[in-house]
Amino acid sequence: MRSRSQIGRAPSSPSSSAPGLHHEVATTDMNHPTSRDFDIAIVGAGPAGLAAGLYAGRNRMRTALLEARAPGGQLLNTELIEDYPGQKSILGGDLAAIMLGQTLHFGAELITSPVKRITVDDSGMKHIETGEGEVRAAAVILTAGGNPRKLDVPGEVEFAGRGVSYCAVCDGAFFKGADLAVVGGGDAAVEEGLFLTRYARRVTIIHRRNGFRAQSILVEEARRHPQVSFILNTVVEAIAGGEKVSGVKLRHVNTGETSTLPVGGVFVFVGFVPNTGLVDAHLEHDSAGYYVTDPHTMMTNVPGIFAAGDVRSQLTRQITTAVGDATTATMAAMRWVEDTKRRVDVGTAEQAQLVA
């Protein structure tokens, strides 16, 4: 596995023989690309970023894959995966390692450094400021994902993957016959709570207020469900257990009264924070902060900047949807790079004729 903390020479790989982008900018000569100049730069090495790197590298694009931490994204926070095609059951870390190895095999260059800012110059070239210097690329694919909002209570970190989860679709099947707690009051909490009734004996939805932000029709459906109950005006103070979760400690927000609810698992749905603050330009986003893209190309409103995976506004966020988004984004980004190269070549030829 090839991982470097600094930006060095271009990889001696299938992609390194691809011609660089002939694009005139004040700070670089793209006719003679340096190790910092790429056709496509991918920001974030979760499932979406790794899939994008695979497709770009295999198609002989000079490809940079930028990641601040260990590649894998949310896969590294998932103990067991059973809903990824071709893998009956696989550890999240193992799937991340397989995907990374395949991506690097086809020539993407992994740059392990945090991305601080992305700017676009007048020529359309993207400048990516990292902790180790600047990377330049004709196209950028944003796959930085995001993170579930945490409760920040004792036991949450300790029991992550051992009873604490942030994805009912991913982990619900591991809790067959269990009593579960769902924390939150929005659409996601109620919808996921209803989904968990497929597996759980009983689901208790815990919400800090008396009313829900979720749609009324969802709340009514949950109230009618024989396996669902509610504890309102209550917050989780701690998550307890031994090898696995055994219960949650609760506090009523009005009376201060404390209690313990025995459960075998806790599903937290109090929000998701997308990593969408890197680009120094206005990218259109929805009310929750997710990037809005063209569904056919995954391009944002800024030409040459694409988005895929958990940063993008969409119906669901799964490994499979992230990989699918990334495939579309990469194919569109490659076309963008090739079209840009042709435009520059035509302009250069016309300029040469005028000089002659």
Foldseek 3Di string as FASTA:
>chain_A
DDEDQAQDFADPAQQVPDQFFQFDDPPDGRNDDGSQEWAEEEEAQALLLLLLLLVCLLVNTRYEYEAQDDHHPCLVLAQWFCPDPPDNIDGSVVVRVVSNVNSVNSGYHYHHWDWAAWEADPRQWIWTQTPHGIHIHNFYEYERAWFADDPPAAPQVVARNQFEAADCVGCLQVAAAWEEEEEAFAQVRLVSQVVSVVGYQAYEYEYLAPHGNYDPVSVVVQVPDPRYHYDYNKDFRYFDDDSGTQWTWMARNPPRDIDIDGTRHYHYHHAIGTPDDHYPDDWDDDPNQAGEADPQQQATPRPRYGYAANSHDDDDGDSVRRSVSSVSNSVNNVVSSVVSSVVSVVVVVVVVVVVD
